[in-house]
Amino acid sequence: MSNEIQQSSEIDTALENLPADANLPTTHSSSAVPMEASEEASSRTAINIQNLDSWYNNLDFQALHDVCLRFEKNHVSALIGPSGCGKSTLLRWINRMNDVVAGASVRGTLQMGDLDILAATTDVVDLRRRIGIVFQKPNPFPKSIYDNVAFGPRLHFNIGKEELDELVEWSLKKSALWGEVKDRLKKSALGLSGGQQQRLCIARAIAVGPEVLLMDEPCSALDPASTARIEDLIYELKEQYTIVMVTHNMQQASRCSDQTAFFFEGKLVEVGDTTDVFRNPKEQRTEDYVTGKFG
């Protein structure tokens, strides 16, 4: 598959060949934010998602159905739902990771300010600088701790040694790791514990100055003590970044997030303030999931 996303015209052509009774959403434009969005709401919105549909396997499997969702600036939004319900797929379209997945396609609106994320003309390298991602399993580069954090700034910026040293220190301090590694910055990052590696990955992500930080189950592979440190870090980082996190841990979602969105079978069932979603959900399926009746 090309690194460019399949455009709407190509998808529509493929859809014409599907059976007449196929359960597909109505076609939507991928160019404009809905008119009903007020200027005030728009100014608070970091990511605006409207009528987003996504497929894998050349349209054989629809992973997302007509998703409409907004992520507010300097808020933590938690995406919850059973495995395979589309949470991670959504994250991977937000920073275009799915571009490299053969047979993946998308249709709808994904806006970041004035930027049309899904446009073929979007600079994907710069997009991934502005929208960082931290994965479920820590994935430090086989380099030194210093070089892991410095990798992005060296790629994106014309930066001198002194300024780079300051940026590495700042990033490690923001990720609550500096005190543990300041005397071994030239040592391999692979020698860190799992929790330290995950905080290093966060430091690496924020070193390039993102506006949005995506986290795909960032604590699922960590012990309780490391999880608590990451959760504390998420709370601190939202002062500077918009954070969208996928989690299967209901307690974590209720502790860490301002907004919670519940997905089921590729559809957004309910979204609202986290307190409301957990204490007074509007949908029965949401209540059943957050209370552990299924999942």
C-alpha atoms as a PDB file:
ATOM      1  CA  MET A   1       0.000   0.000   0.000  1.00  0.00           C
ATOM      2  CA  SER A   2       1.165   3.555  -0.764  1.00  0.00           C
ATOM      3  CA  ASN A   3       1.971   5.825   2.131  1.00  0.00           C
ATOM      4  CA  GLU A   4      -0.932   7.980   1.021  1.00  0.00           C
ATOM      5  CA  ILE A   5      -4.397   7.174   2.321  1.00  0.00           C
ATOM      6  CA  GLN A   6      -6.927   5.842  -0.162  1.00  0.00           C
ATOM      7  CA  GLN A   7      -9.053   8.814  -1.132  1.00  0.00           C
ATOM      8  CA  SER A   8     -12.844   8.919  -0.910  1.00  0.00           C
ATOM      9  CA  SER A   9     -13.325   8.460  -4.644  1.00  0.00           C
ATOM     10  CA  GLU A  10     -11.337   5.209  -4.573  1.00  0.00           C
ATOM     11  CA  ILE A  11     -13.298   3.926  -1.602  1.00  0.00           C
ATOM     12  CA  ASP A  12     -16.615   4.824  -3.221  1.00  0.00           C
ATOM     13  CA  THR A  13     -15.602   2.916  -6.354  1.00  0.00           C
ATOM     14  CA  ALA A  14     -14.839  -0.159  -4.264  1.00  0.00           C
ATOM     15  CA  LEU A  15     -18.100   0.192  -2.351  1.00  0.00           C
ATOM     16  CA  GLU A  16     -20.068   0.098  -5.584  1.00  0.00           C
ATOM     17  CA  ASN A  17     -18.923  -3.502  -6.011  1.00  0.00           C
ATOM     18  CA  LEU A  18     -20.226  -4.634  -2.621  1.00  0.00           C
ATOM     19  CA  PRO A  19     -23.591  -6.403  -2.206  1.00  0.00           C
ATOM     20  CA  ALA A  20     -26.625  -4.145  -2.172  1.00  0.00           C
ATOM     21  CA  ASP A  21     -27.522  -5.195   1.370  1.00  0.00           C
ATOM     22  CA  ALA A  22     -24.086  -4.399   2.811  1.00  0.00           C
ATOM     23  CA  ASN A  23     -24.362  -2.472   6.073  1.00  0.00           C
ATOM     24  CA  LEU A  24     -22.390   0.658   5.244  1.00  0.00           C
ATOM     25  CA  PRO A  25     -22.698   4.272   6.415  1.00  0.00           C
ATOM     26  CA  THR A  26     -23.645   7.195   4.243  1.00  0.00           C
ATOM     27  CA  THR A  27     -20.752   8.891   2.456  1.00  0.00           C
ATOM     28  CA  HIS A  28     -19.485  12.006   4.210  1.00  0.00           C
ATOM     29  CA  SER A  29     -17.204  14.811   3.138  1.00  0.00           C
ATOM     30  CA  SER A  30     -13.675  14.836   4.565  1.00  0.00           C
ATOM     31  CA  SER A  31     -13.107  18.557   4.138  1.00  0.00           C
ATOM     32  CA  ALA A  32     -15.092  20.611   6.610  1.00  0.00           C
ATOM     33  CA  VAL A  33     -15.965  20.905  10.297  1.00  0.00           C
ATOM     34  CA  PRO A  34     -19.775  20.767  10.805  1.00  0.00           C
ATOM     35  CA  MET A  35     -21.508  24.143  10.736  1.00  0.00           C
ATOM     36  CA  GLU A  36     -23.097  23.631  14.166  1.00  0.00           C
ATOM     37  CA  ALA A  37     -19.690  23.711  15.879  1.00  0.00           C
ATOM     38  CA  SER A  38     -19.531  27.037  17.684  1.00  0.00           C
ATOM     39  CA  GLU A  39     -16.456  29.233  17.610  1.00  0.00           C
ATOM     40  CA  GLU A  40     -16.032  28.800  21.355  1.00  0.00           C
ATOM     41  CA  ALA A  41     -16.165  25.021  21.131  1.00  0.00           C
ATOM     42  CA  SER A  42     -13.798  25.088  18.168  1.00  0.00           C
ATOM     43  CA  SER A  43     -11.241  27.133  20.095  1.00  0.00           C
ATOM     44  CA  ARG A  44     -11.227  24.495  22.869  1.00  0.00           C
ATOM     45  CA  THR A  45     -10.982  21.559  20.491  1.00  0.00           C
ATOM     46  CA  ALA A  46      -7.628  19.901  19.846  1.00  0.00           C
ATOM     47  CA  ILE A  47      -8.929  17.113  17.574  1.00  0.00           C
ATOM     48  CA  ASN A  48     -12.295  17.111  15.813  1.00  0.00           C
ATOM     49  CA  ILE A  49     -13.578  13.806  14.412  1.00  0.00           C
ATOM     50  CA  GLN A  50     -16.725  13.690  12.320  1.00  0.00           C
ATOM     51  CA  ASN A  51     -18.398  10.767  10.536  1.00  0.00           C
ATOM     52  CA  LEU A  52     -15.245   8.643  10.553  1.00  0.00           C
ATOM     53  CA  ASP A  53     -15.435   5.201   8.969  1.00  0.00           C
ATOM     54  CA  SER A  54     -12.494   2.812   8.699  1.00  0.00           C
ATOM     55  CA  TRP A  55     -11.914  -0.532   7.035  1.00  0.00           C
ATOM     56  CA  TYR A  56      -9.239  -3.215   6.923  1.00  0.00           C
ATOM     57  CA  ASN A  57      -8.587  -6.000   4.425  1.00  0.00           C
ATOM     58  CA  ASN A  58      -9.648  -3.941   1.404  1.00  0.00           C
ATOM     59  CA  LEU A  59     -13.105  -3.134   2.817  1.00  0.00           C
ATOM     60  CA  ASP A  60     -13.766  -6.697   4.035  1.00  0.00           C
ATOM     61  CA  PHE A  61     -13.888  -5.597   7.675  1.00  0.00           C
ATOM     62  CA  GLN A  62     -15.251  -2.297   8.969  1.00  0.00           C
ATOM     63  CA  ALA A  63     -13.446  -1.299  12.166  1.00  0.00           C
ATOM     64  CA  LEU A  64     -15.084   2.102  12.798  1.00  0.00           C
ATOM     65  CA  HIS A  65     -18.642   3.191  12.045  1.00  0.00           C
ATOM     66  CA  ASP A  66     -19.546   6.882  11.692  1.00  0.00           C
ATOM     67  CA  VAL A  67     -17.549   8.055  14.725  1.00  0.00           C
ATOM     68  CA  CYS A  68     -18.101  11.669  15.835  1.00  0.00           C
ATOM     69  CA  LEU A  69     -15.938  12.848  18.727  1.00  0.00           C
ATOM     70  CA  ARG A  70     -13.980  15.853  19.985  1.00  0.00           C
ATOM     71  CA  PHE A  71     -10.912  15.921  22.194  1.00  0.00           C
ATOM     72  CA  GLU A  72     -10.502  19.153  24.165  1.00  0.00           C
ATOM     73  CA  LYS A  73      -7.189  20.898  24.634  1.00  0.00           C
ATOM     74  CA  ASN A  74      -5.343  20.130  27.870  1.00  0.00           C
ATOM     75  CA  HIS A  75      -7.762  17.367  28.765  1.00  0.00           C
ATOM     76  CA  VAL A  76      -7.235  13.638  29.188  1.00  0.00           C
ATOM     77  CA  SER A  77      -9.689  11.572  27.158  1.00  0.00           C
ATOM     78  CA  ALA A  78      -9.972   7.841  27.829  1.00  0.00           C
ATOM     79  CA  LEU A  79     -11.171   5.425  25.156  1.00  0.00           C
ATOM     80  CA  ILE A  80     -12.663   2.297  26.703  1.00  0.00           C
ATOM     81  CA  GLY A  81     -14.364  -0.806  25.354  1.00  0.00           C
ATOM     82  CA  PRO A  82     -13.752  -4.508  24.693  1.00  0.00           C
ATOM     83  CA  SER A  83     -10.782  -5.671  22.647  1.00  0.00           C
ATOM     84  CA  GLY A  84     -11.323  -5.206  18.932  1.00  0.00           C
ATOM     85  CA  CYS A  85     -13.877  -2.404  19.246  1.00  0.00           C
ATOM     86  CA  GLY A  86     -11.843   0.163  17.290  1.00  0.00           C
ATOM     87  CA  LYS A  87     -10.077   2.162  19.993  1.00  0.00           C
ATOM     88  CA  SER A  88      -6.535   1.599  18.762  1.00  0.00           C
ATOM     89  CA  THR A  89      -7.653   1.940  15.143  1.00  0.00           C
ATOM     90  CA  LEU A  90      -8.866   5.441  15.956  1.00  0.00           C
ATOM     91  CA  LEU A  91      -5.530   6.368  17.546  1.00  0.00           C
ATOM     92  CA  ARG A  92      -3.651   5.065  14.518  1.00  0.00           C
ATOM     93  CA  TRP A  93      -5.668   7.204  12.131  1.00  0.00           C
ATOM     94  CA  ILE A  94      -5.178  10.310  14.258  1.00  0.00           C
ATOM     95  CA  ASN A  95      -1.437  10.236  13.576  1.00  0.00           C
ATOM     96  CA  ARG A  96      -1.659   8.277  10.314  1.00  0.00           C
ATOM     97  CA  MET A  97       0.076   5.119  11.534  1.00  0.00           C
ATOM     98  CA  ASN A  98      -2.418   3.104   9.504  1.00  0.00           C
ATOM     99  CA  ASP A  99      -0.977   4.530   6.281  1.00  0.00           C
ATOM    100  CA  VAL A 100       1.469   1.628   6.218  1.00  0.00           C
ATOM    101  CA  VAL A 101      -1.156  -1.064   6.851  1.00  0.00           C
ATOM    102  CA  ALA A 102      -1.962  -2.826   3.579  1.00  0.00           C
ATOM    103  CA  GLY A 103      -5.677  -2.796   2.818  1.00  0.00           C
ATOM    104  CA  ALA A 104      -6.541  -0.123   5.419  1.00  0.00           C
ATOM    105  CA  SER A 105      -8.788   2.725   4.320  1.00  0.00           C
ATOM    106  CA  VAL A 106     -10.663   5.581   5.929  1.00  0.00           C
ATOM    107  CA  ARG A 107     -13.379   8.103   5.148  1.00  0.00           C
ATOM    108  CA  GLY A 108     -14.594  11.100   7.117  1.00  0.00           C
ATOM    109  CA  THR A 109     -13.209  14.162   8.856  1.00  0.00           C
ATOM    110  CA  LEU A 110     -10.186  14.331  11.161  1.00  0.00           C
ATOM    111  CA  GLN A 111      -9.249  17.945  11.905  1.00  0.00           C
ATOM    112  CA  MET A 112      -6.512  19.413  14.055  1.00  0.00           C
ATOM    113  CA  GLY A 113      -7.181  23.121  13.957  1.00  0.00           C
ATOM    114  CA  ASP A 114      -7.001  24.055  10.282  1.00  0.00           C
ATOM    115  CA  LEU A 115      -5.120  20.885   9.392  1.00  0.00           C
ATOM    116  CA  ASP A 116      -6.996  18.150   7.513  1.00  0.00           C
ATOM    117  CA  ILE A 117      -5.197  15.152   8.973  1.00  0.00           C
ATOM    118  CA  LEU A 118      -6.442  12.743   6.320  1.00  0.00           C
ATOM    119  CA  ALA A 119      -5.540  14.889   3.320  1.00  0.00           C
ATOM    120  CA  ALA A 120      -3.045  13.305   0.923  1.00  0.00           C
ATOM    121  CA  THR A 121      -1.083  16.575   0.985  1.00  0.00           C
ATOM    122  CA  THR A 122      -0.566  16.487   4.771  1.00  0.00           C
ATOM    123  CA  ASP A 123       3.092  16.235   5.787  1.00  0.00           C
ATOM    124  CA  VAL A 124       2.916  12.989   7.770  1.00  0.00           C
ATOM    125  CA  VAL A 125       6.378  13.394   9.306  1.00  0.00           C
ATOM    126  CA  ASP A 126       5.451  16.789  10.731  1.00  0.00           C
ATOM    127  CA  LEU A 127       2.040  15.451  11.769  1.00  0.00           C
ATOM    128  CA  ARG A 128       3.703  12.746  13.867  1.00  0.00           C
ATOM    129  CA  ARG A 129       5.853  15.397  15.493  1.00  0.00           C
ATOM    130  CA  ARG A 130       2.712  17.329  16.449  1.00  0.00           C
ATOM    131  CA  ILE A 131       0.833  14.178  17.501  1.00  0.00           C
ATOM    132  CA  GLY A 132       3.093  11.814  19.422  1.00  0.00           C
ATOM    133  CA  ILE A 133       2.229   8.258  20.394  1.00  0.00           C
ATOM    134  CA  VAL A 134       3.286   5.930  23.214  1.00  0.00           C
ATOM    135  CA  PHE A 135       2.552   2.246  22.715  1.00  0.00           C
ATOM    136  CA  GLN A 136       1.415  -0.550  24.996  1.00  0.00           C
ATOM    137  CA  LYS A 137       4.851  -2.138  25.208  1.00  0.00           C
ATOM    138  CA  PRO A 138       7.822   0.177  25.842  1.00  0.00           C
ATOM    139  CA  ASN A 139       9.889   0.402  22.671  1.00  0.00           C
ATOM    140  CA  PRO A 140      13.124   2.290  23.359  1.00  0.00           C
ATOM    141  CA  PHE A 141      15.642   2.399  20.543  1.00  0.00           C
ATOM    142  CA  PRO A 142      18.791   0.273  21.005  1.00  0.00           C
ATOM    143  CA  LYS A 143      20.707   3.444  21.762  1.00  0.00           C
ATOM    144  CA  SER A 144      21.764   5.360  24.836  1.00  0.00           C
ATOM    145  CA  ILE A 145      19.204   7.032  27.062  1.00  0.00           C
ATOM    146  CA  TYR A 146      20.435  10.399  25.803  1.00  0.00           C
ATOM    147  CA  ASP A 147      20.224   9.426  22.132  1.00  0.00           C
ATOM    148  CA  ASN A 148      16.697   8.077  22.556  1.00  0.00           C
ATOM    149  CA  VAL A 149      15.447  11.478  23.694  1.00  0.00           C
ATOM    150  CA  ALA A 150      17.662  13.418  21.273  1.00  0.00           C
ATOM    151  CA  PHE A 151      16.623  11.363  18.235  1.00  0.00           C
ATOM    152  CA  GLY A 152      13.503  13.397  17.366  1.00  0.00           C
ATOM    153  CA  PRO A 153      14.975  16.868  17.917  1.00  0.00           C
ATOM    154  CA  ARG A 154      17.974  15.971  15.750  1.00  0.00           C
ATOM    155  CA  LEU A 155      15.593  14.870  13.011  1.00  0.00           C
ATOM    156  CA  HIS A 156      13.223  17.816  13.110  1.00  0.00           C
ATOM    157  CA  PHE A 157      15.290  20.769  14.317  1.00  0.00           C
ATOM    158  CA  ASN A 158      18.589  22.478  13.602  1.00  0.00           C
ATOM    159  CA  ILE A 159      19.762  22.382  17.188  1.00  0.00           C
ATOM    160  CA  GLY A 160      23.151  22.898  18.844  1.00  0.00           C
ATOM    161  CA  LYS A 161      24.746  20.633  21.447  1.00  0.00           C
ATOM    162  CA  GLU A 162      24.090  22.910  24.430  1.00  0.00           C
ATOM    163  CA  GLU A 163      20.465  23.457  23.491  1.00  0.00           C
ATOM    164  CA  LEU A 164      20.014  19.737  22.842  1.00  0.00           C
ATOM    165  CA  ASP A 165      21.468  18.904  26.273  1.00  0.00           C
ATOM    166  CA  GLU A 166      18.948  21.268  27.864  1.00  0.00           C
ATOM    167  CA  LEU A 167      16.078  19.767  25.890  1.00  0.00           C
ATOM    168  CA  VAL A 168      17.035  16.203  26.851  1.00  0.00           C
ATOM    169  CA  GLU A 169      17.210  17.203  30.516  1.00  0.00           C
ATOM    170  CA  TRP A 170      13.882  19.046  30.314  1.00  0.00           C
ATOM    171  CA  SER A 171      12.160  16.092  28.644  1.00  0.00           C
ATOM    172  CA  LEU A 172      13.484  13.617  31.195  1.00  0.00           C
ATOM    173  CA  LYS A 173      12.402  15.874  34.036  1.00  0.00           C
ATOM    174  CA  LYS A 174       8.909  16.260  32.534  1.00  0.00           C
ATOM    175  CA  SER A 175       8.659  12.472  32.324  1.00  0.00           C
ATOM    176  CA  ALA A 176       9.796  12.079  35.957  1.00  0.00           C
ATOM    177  CA  LEU A 177      12.904  10.126  34.939  1.00  0.00           C
ATOM    178  CA  TRP A 178      15.787  12.593  35.225  1.00  0.00           C
ATOM    179  CA  GLY A 179      16.622  11.844  38.846  1.00  0.00           C
ATOM    180  CA  GLU A 180      16.966   8.126  38.066  1.00  0.00           C
ATOM    181  CA  VAL A 181      19.106   8.367  34.920  1.00  0.00           C
ATOM    182  CA  LYS A 182      21.038  11.652  35.035  1.00  0.00           C
ATOM    183  CA  ASP A 183      24.281   9.862  35.889  1.00  0.00           C
ATOM    184  CA  ARG A 184      23.980   7.228  33.162  1.00  0.00           C
ATOM    185  CA  LEU A 185      22.696   9.071  30.119  1.00  0.00           C
ATOM    186  CA  LYS A 186      25.235   7.345  27.870  1.00  0.00           C
ATOM    187  CA  LYS A 187      24.174   3.885  29.041  1.00  0.00           C
ATOM    188  CA  SER A 188      21.867   1.745  26.903  1.00  0.00           C
ATOM    189  CA  ALA A 189      18.164   2.432  27.298  1.00  0.00           C
ATOM    190  CA  LEU A 190      17.576  -1.302  27.107  1.00  0.00           C
ATOM    191  CA  GLY A 191      19.032  -1.636  30.607  1.00  0.00           C
ATOM    192  CA  LEU A 192      16.157   0.323  32.169  1.00  0.00           C
ATOM    193  CA  SER A 193      13.221  -1.328  33.902  1.00  0.00           C
ATOM    194  CA  GLY A 194       9.891  -1.600  32.073  1.00  0.00           C
ATOM    195  CA  GLY A 195       8.423   1.393  33.881  1.00  0.00           C
ATOM    196  CA  GLN A 196      11.538   3.468  33.242  1.00  0.00           C
ATOM    197  CA  GLN A 197      11.504   2.506  29.568  1.00  0.00           C
ATOM    198  CA  GLN A 198       7.908   3.644  29.253  1.00  0.00           C
ATOM    199  CA  ARG A 199       8.709   7.002  30.841  1.00  0.00           C
ATOM    200  CA  LEU A 200      11.682   7.263  28.482  1.00  0.00           C
ATOM    201  CA  CYS A 201       9.314   6.724  25.554  1.00  0.00           C
ATOM    202  CA  ILE A 202       7.148   9.538  26.904  1.00  0.00           C
ATOM    203  CA  ALA A 203      10.239  11.761  27.188  1.00  0.00           C
ATOM    204  CA  ARG A 204      11.155  10.877  23.601  1.00  0.00           C
ATOM    205  CA  ALA A 205       7.648  11.780  22.424  1.00  0.00           C
ATOM    206  CA  ILE A 206       7.470  15.172  24.160  1.00  0.00           C
ATOM    207  CA  ALA A 207      11.023  16.193  23.181  1.00  0.00           C
ATOM    208  CA  VAL A 208       9.812  17.233  19.714  1.00  0.00           C
ATOM    209  CA  GLY A 209       7.131  19.555  21.090  1.00  0.00           C
ATOM    210  CA  PRO A 210       3.856  17.766  20.287  1.00  0.00           C
ATOM    211  CA  GLU A 211       0.451  19.289  20.861  1.00  0.00           C
ATOM    212  CA  VAL A 212      -1.298  15.945  21.336  1.00  0.00           C
ATOM    213  CA  LEU A 213      -0.018  12.790  23.025  1.00  0.00           C
ATOM    214  CA  LEU A 214      -1.671   9.475  22.194  1.00  0.00           C
ATOM    215  CA  MET A 215      -1.238   6.573  24.619  1.00  0.00           C
ATOM    216  CA  ASP A 216      -2.258   3.054  23.633  1.00  0.00           C
ATOM    217  CA  GLU A 217      -2.616   1.117  26.908  1.00  0.00           C
ATOM    218  CA  PRO A 218       0.575   2.692  28.308  1.00  0.00           C
ATOM    219  CA  CYS A 219       0.433   0.809  31.622  1.00  0.00           C
ATOM    220  CA  SER A 220      -0.814  -2.636  30.634  1.00  0.00           C
ATOM    221  CA  ALA A 221       2.674  -4.179  30.730  1.00  0.00           C
ATOM    222  CA  LEU A 222       3.759  -2.445  33.946  1.00  0.00           C
ATOM    223  CA  ASP A 223       3.672  -3.344  37.636  1.00  0.00           C
ATOM    224  CA  PRO A 224       1.390  -1.383  40.022  1.00  0.00           C
ATOM    225  CA  ALA A 225       4.158   0.958  41.237  1.00  0.00           C
ATOM    226  CA  SER A 226       5.199   1.867  37.684  1.00  0.00           C
ATOM    227  CA  THR A 227       1.544   2.268  36.701  1.00  0.00           C
ATOM    228  CA  ALA A 228       1.006   4.750  39.533  1.00  0.00           C
ATOM    229  CA  ARG A 229       3.988   6.810  38.347  1.00  0.00           C
ATOM    230  CA  ILE A 230       2.687   6.894  34.775  1.00  0.00           C
ATOM    231  CA  GLU A 231      -0.767   7.933  35.986  1.00  0.00           C
ATOM    232  CA  ASP A 232       0.721  10.754  38.066  1.00  0.00           C
ATOM    233  CA  LEU A 233       2.716  11.790  35.034  1.00  0.00           C
ATOM    234  CA  ILE A 234      -0.379  11.861  32.812  1.00  0.00           C
ATOM    235  CA  TYR A 235      -2.068  14.215  35.275  1.00  0.00           C
ATOM    236  CA  GLU A 236       0.924  16.560  35.184  1.00  0.00           C
ATOM    237  CA  LEU A 237       1.410  16.428  31.418  1.00  0.00           C
ATOM    238  CA  LYS A 238      -2.149  17.515  30.614  1.00  0.00           C
ATOM    239  CA  GLU A 239      -1.213  21.025  31.721  1.00  0.00           C
ATOM    240  CA  GLN A 240       0.834  21.249  28.538  1.00  0.00           C
ATOM    241  CA  TYR A 241      -0.583  18.575  26.209  1.00  0.00           C
ATOM    242  CA  THR A 242      -3.857  17.098  25.079  1.00  0.00           C
ATOM    243  CA  ILE A 243      -3.810  13.396  25.959  1.00  0.00           C
ATOM    244  CA  VAL A 244      -5.877  10.611  24.429  1.00  0.00           C
ATOM    245  CA  MET A 245      -5.407   7.216  26.026  1.00  0.00           C
ATOM    246  CA  VAL A 246      -6.746   3.736  25.339  1.00  0.00           C
ATOM    247  CA  THR A 247      -7.192   1.650  28.460  1.00  0.00           C
ATOM    248  CA  HIS A 248      -8.890  -1.560  29.562  1.00  0.00           C
ATOM    249  CA  ASN A 249      -8.477  -0.547  33.208  1.00  0.00           C
ATOM    250  CA  MET A 250     -11.720   1.065  34.363  1.00  0.00           C
ATOM    251  CA  GLN A 251     -10.168   2.348  37.573  1.00  0.00           C
ATOM    252  CA  GLN A 252      -7.397   3.971  35.588  1.00  0.00           C
ATOM    253  CA  ALA A 253      -9.865   5.646  33.235  1.00  0.00           C
ATOM    254  CA  SER A 254     -11.876   6.997  36.164  1.00  0.00           C
ATOM    255  CA  ARG A 255      -8.741   8.239  37.943  1.00  0.00           C
ATOM    256  CA  CYS A 256      -6.888   9.801  35.042  1.00  0.00           C
ATOM    257  CA  SER A 257      -9.359  11.143  32.513  1.00  0.00           C
ATOM    258  CA  ASP A 258     -11.616  14.154  32.171  1.00  0.00           C
ATOM    259  CA  GLN A 259     -13.656  12.631  29.335  1.00  0.00           C
ATOM    260  CA  THR A 260     -14.466   8.994  28.619  1.00  0.00           C
ATOM    261  CA  ALA A 261     -15.671   7.514  25.339  1.00  0.00           C
ATOM    262  CA  PHE A 262     -17.098   3.979  25.271  1.00  0.00           C
ATOM    263  CA  PHE A 263     -16.744   1.999  22.039  1.00  0.00           C
ATOM    264  CA  PHE A 264     -18.458  -1.247  21.138  1.00  0.00           C
ATOM    265  CA  GLU A 265     -18.140  -3.151  17.859  1.00  0.00           C
ATOM    266  CA  GLY A 266     -16.583  -0.159  16.126  1.00  0.00           C
ATOM    267  CA  LYS A 267     -19.264   2.302  17.187  1.00  0.00           C
ATOM    268  CA  LEU A 268     -19.086   5.147  19.682  1.00  0.00           C
ATOM    269  CA  VAL A 269     -21.821   4.224  22.152  1.00  0.00           C
ATOM    270  CA  GLU A 270     -21.427   7.038  24.663  1.00  0.00           C
ATOM    271  CA  VAL A 271     -19.094   9.918  25.460  1.00  0.00           C
ATOM    272  CA  GLY A 272     -19.174  12.411  28.300  1.00  0.00           C
ATOM    273  CA  ASP A 273     -17.496  13.656  31.446  1.00  0.00           C
ATOM    274  CA  THR A 274     -15.764  10.715  33.088  1.00  0.00           C
ATOM    275  CA  THR A 275     -17.712  11.096  36.332  1.00  0.00           C
ATOM    276  CA  ASP A 276     -21.020  10.983  34.453  1.00  0.00           C
ATOM    277  CA  VAL A 277     -20.041   8.001  32.294  1.00  0.00           C
ATOM    278  CA  PHE A 278     -19.031   5.930  35.311  1.00  0.00           C
ATOM    279  CA  ARG A 279     -21.651   7.035  37.828  1.00  0.00           C
ATOM    280  CA  ASN A 280     -24.654   7.822  35.655  1.00  0.00           C
ATOM    281  CA  PRO A 281     -24.223   6.369  32.160  1.00  0.00           C
ATOM    282  CA  LYS A 282     -26.970   7.078  29.638  1.00  0.00           C
ATOM    283  CA  GLU A 283     -26.672   3.775  27.791  1.00  0.00           C
ATOM    284  CA  GLN A 284     -27.296   0.344  29.296  1.00  0.00           C
ATOM    285  CA  ARG A 285     -24.334  -1.129  27.380  1.00  0.00           C
ATOM    286  CA  THR A 286     -22.064   1.466  28.948  1.00  0.00           C
ATOM    287  CA  GLU A 287     -23.284   0.616  32.447  1.00  0.00           C
ATOM    288  CA  ASP A 288     -22.853  -3.097  31.796  1.00  0.00           C
ATOM    289  CA  TYR A 289     -19.278  -2.575  30.610  1.00  0.00           C
ATOM    290  CA  VAL A 290     -18.037  -0.219  33.318  1.00  0.00           C
ATOM    291  CA  THR A 291     -19.572  -2.419  36.028  1.00  0.00           C
ATOM    292  CA  GLY A 292     -17.849  -5.508  34.649  1.00  0.00           C
ATOM    293  CA  LYS A 293     -20.839  -7.419  33.306  1.00  0.00           C
ATOM    294  CA  PHE A 294     -18.958  -8.003  30.059  1.00  0.00           C
ATOM    295  CA  GLY A 295     -15.655  -7.026  28.527  1.00  0.00           C
END
